Amino acid sequence: MMLLCCLLVFSITEYTFAQSIRPLQNDIHVTEKKPVMLSCKYEGSANSLHWYRQYPGSKPEFVLLVMEASTKHVTYADPRIPGMDGKMSMKDKQVDLEISSAEVSDSALYYCALQPTVTGNTSTLYKNLYEVKKQLNLHSFVIASCLLIVD
């Protein structure tokens, strides 16, 4: 029994450390009405990659998710945030959030995540995700952040 517990802890630890994600830039300054791309590189396996944004004093809000198995499939927030799109390169192990025309209201802290990071009432945020992957563990995540400032 002790051996089984040790093997289980080792397996979980190995899995956690094998996955990582980091932003290509920590702070991005962009002029209003200009396009901007926020990018994160990841290591290991990532079945789904998520983008969230957080305004000061507010909870993170879901922006979109990209599934690794289908790099062309993007699930957007409902309602979709205008001008935001996601893409992923499995070859480069990179996930991007593209903002076609940055507005001052886009200034926020953005998170890229390997697993969902918002807990609590997830019925709205993960409605589509649960249809795809019902056994999702909301407490297991790897995240990185990037600050976007639009002048």
Protein backbone atom coordinates (compact mmCIF):
# COMPACT_ATOMS: atom_id res chain seq x y z
CA MET A 1 0.00 0.00 0.00
CA MET A 2 2.85 2.42 0.87
CA LEU A 3 4.54 1.67 -2.46
CA LEU A 4 1.28 2.40 -4.32
CA CYS A 5 0.94 5.77 -2.53
CA CYS A 6 4.55 6.70 -3.35
CA LEU A 7 4.10 5.77 -7.00
CA LEU A 8 0.89 7.78 -7.20
CA VAL A 9 2.52 10.90 -5.68
CA PHE A 10 5.53 10.52 -8.00
CA SER A 11 3.27 10.19 -11.05
CA ILE A 12 1.23 13.28 -10.15
CA THR A 13 4.38 15.30 -9.43
CA GLU A 14 6.02 14.20 -12.67
CA TYR A 15 2.88 15.10 -14.64
CA THR A 16 2.62 18.53 -13.00
CA PHE A 17 6.26 19.47 -13.59
CA ALA A 18 6.18 18.18 -17.18
CA GLN A 19 3.65 20.89 -18.02
CA SER A 20 4.55 24.56 -18.02
CA ILE A 21 3.43 27.72 -19.76
CA ARG A 22 4.98 31.17 -20.01
CA PRO A 23 4.16 34.42 -21.79
CA LEU A 24 6.48 35.61 -24.55
CA GLN A 25 6.18 39.13 -23.09
CA ASN A 26 5.20 40.07 -19.53
CA ASP A 27 4.06 43.62 -20.36
CA ILE A 28 2.71 44.83 -23.68
CA HIS A 29 2.01 48.48 -24.51
CA VAL A 30 0.01 49.17 -27.66
CA THR A 31 -1.60 52.21 -29.24
CA GLU A 32 -5.40 52.28 -29.47
CA LYS A 33 -6.88 50.89 -32.72
CA LYS A 34 -3.71 48.86 -33.44
CA PRO A 35 -3.71 45.05 -33.62
CA VAL A 36 -1.94 43.19 -30.82
CA MET A 37 -1.03 39.56 -30.19
CA LEU A 38 -0.50 38.03 -26.76
CA SER A 39 1.42 34.75 -26.94
CA CYS A 40 2.35 31.96 -24.56
CA LYS A 41 4.70 29.01 -25.07
CA TYR A 42 3.94 25.72 -23.35
CA GLU A 43 5.87 22.56 -22.55
CA GLY A 44 4.50 19.07 -22.32
CA SER A 45 1.03 18.01 -23.36
CA ALA A 46 -1.85 20.45 -23.41
CA ASN A 47 -5.24 19.07 -24.36
CA SER A 48 -6.81 22.50 -24.02
CA LEU A 49 -5.38 26.00 -23.72
CA HIS A 50 -7.44 28.82 -22.25
CA TRP A 51 -7.31 32.62 -22.22
CA TYR A 52 -8.82 34.72 -19.43
CA ARG A 53 -8.69 38.43 -18.70
CA GLN A 54 -8.95 40.20 -15.37
CA TYR A 55 -9.68 43.83 -14.65
CA PRO A 56 -8.44 45.37 -11.37
CA GLY A 57 -10.72 44.37 -8.49
CA SER A 58 -12.65 41.84 -10.62
CA LYS A 59 -12.66 38.07 -11.08
CA PRO A 60 -10.96 36.56 -14.13
CA GLU A 61 -13.35 36.16 -17.06
CA PHE A 62 -13.17 33.46 -19.70
CA VAL A 63 -12.17 34.74 -23.17
CA LEU A 64 -11.64 31.59 -25.25
CA LEU A 65 -10.21 28.09 -25.38
CA VAL A 66 -8.30 26.23 -28.09
CA MET A 67 -8.19 22.42 -28.18
CA GLU A 68 -4.79 20.90 -29.06
CA ALA A 69 -6.35 17.99 -30.92
CA SER A 70 -8.09 20.42 -33.26
CA THR A 71 -6.10 23.64 -33.60
CA LYS A 72 -8.83 25.15 -35.74
CA HIS A 73 -11.52 24.64 -33.07
CA VAL A 74 -11.91 27.64 -30.78
CA THR A 75 -14.61 27.95 -28.10
CA TYR A 76 -15.43 31.56 -27.32
CA ALA A 77 -17.00 33.24 -24.30
CA ASP A 78 -20.76 33.60 -24.53
CA PRO A 79 -21.31 36.30 -25.58
CA ARG A 80 -18.15 36.39 -27.68
CA ILE A 81 -15.81 39.30 -26.98
CA PRO A 82 -15.61 41.31 -30.25
CA GLY A 83 -12.27 41.49 -32.02
CA MET A 84 -10.63 38.63 -30.09
CA ASP A 85 -9.52 35.41 -31.73
CA GLY A 86 -7.31 32.50 -30.73
CA LYS A 87 -4.91 30.27 -32.58
CA MET A 88 -2.42 27.60 -31.70
CA SER A 89 0.70 26.12 -33.22
CA MET A 90 1.33 22.56 -32.08
CA LYS A 91 4.69 22.62 -33.88
CA ASP A 92 5.88 25.70 -31.96
CA LYS A 93 3.89 24.79 -28.81
CA GLN A 94 2.46 28.29 -28.76
CA VAL A 95 -1.04 29.68 -28.16
CA ASP A 96 -1.97 33.21 -29.24
CA LEU A 97 -4.72 35.66 -28.38
CA GLU A 98 -5.20 38.12 -31.23
CA ILE A 99 -6.94 41.46 -30.68
CA SER A 100 -7.73 42.99 -34.07
CA SER A 101 -8.12 46.61 -32.91
CA ALA A 102 -7.08 47.30 -29.32
CA GLU A 103 -9.34 49.55 -27.23
CA VAL A 104 -8.56 51.17 -23.89
CA SER A 105 -11.16 48.78 -22.41
CA ASP A 106 -8.89 45.86 -23.46
CA SER A 107 -6.27 47.00 -20.90
CA ALA A 108 -6.21 44.15 -18.37
CA LEU A 109 -4.18 41.27 -16.98
CA TYR A 110 -4.48 38.31 -19.37
CA TYR A 111 -3.92 34.69 -18.34
CA CYS A 112 -3.04 31.77 -20.57
CA ALA A 113 -3.74 28.43 -18.91
CA LEU A 114 -3.28 24.73 -19.58
CA GLN A 115 -6.35 23.85 -17.52
CA PRO A 116 -9.39 25.86 -16.39
CA THR A 117 -8.45 28.19 -13.53
CA VAL A 118 -11.82 29.61 -12.48
CA THR A 119 -13.62 27.58 -9.82
CA GLY A 120 -17.03 27.94 -8.22
CA ASN A 121 -20.09 28.23 -10.45
CA THR A 122 -18.70 27.08 -13.77
CA SER A 123 -21.98 26.38 -15.54
CA THR A 124 -21.68 29.47 -17.75
CA LEU A 125 -17.92 29.59 -18.30
CA TYR A 126 -17.48 25.91 -19.13
CA LYS A 127 -20.80 25.02 -20.70
CA ASN A 128 -19.22 24.00 -24.02
CA LEU A 129 -16.10 22.55 -22.43
CA TYR A 130 -18.08 20.07 -20.32
CA GLU A 131 -19.73 18.74 -23.45
CA VAL A 132 -16.26 18.00 -24.85
CA LYS A 133 -14.52 16.77 -21.70
CA LYS A 134 -16.80 15.87 -18.79
CA GLN A 135 -14.08 14.55 -16.45
CA LEU A 136 -12.34 17.93 -16.17
CA ASN A 137 -10.43 18.63 -12.93
CA LEU A 138 -10.97 22.31 -12.07
CA HIS A 139 -8.31 22.26 -9.34
CA SER A 140 -5.42 21.24 -11.61
CA PHE A 141 -3.96 24.10 -13.64
CA VAL A 142 -0.80 25.76 -14.89
CA ILE A 143 -1.06 29.47 -15.70
CA ALA A 144 0.98 32.43 -16.91
CA SER A 145 0.03 36.09 -17.11
CA CYS A 146 0.68 39.10 -19.32
CA LEU A 147 -0.29 42.73 -18.70
CA LEU A 148 -1.76 44.60 -21.68
CA ILE A 149 -1.89 48.40 -21.57
CA VAL A 150 -3.66 50.25 -24.39
CA ASP A 151 -2.87 53.98 -24.69
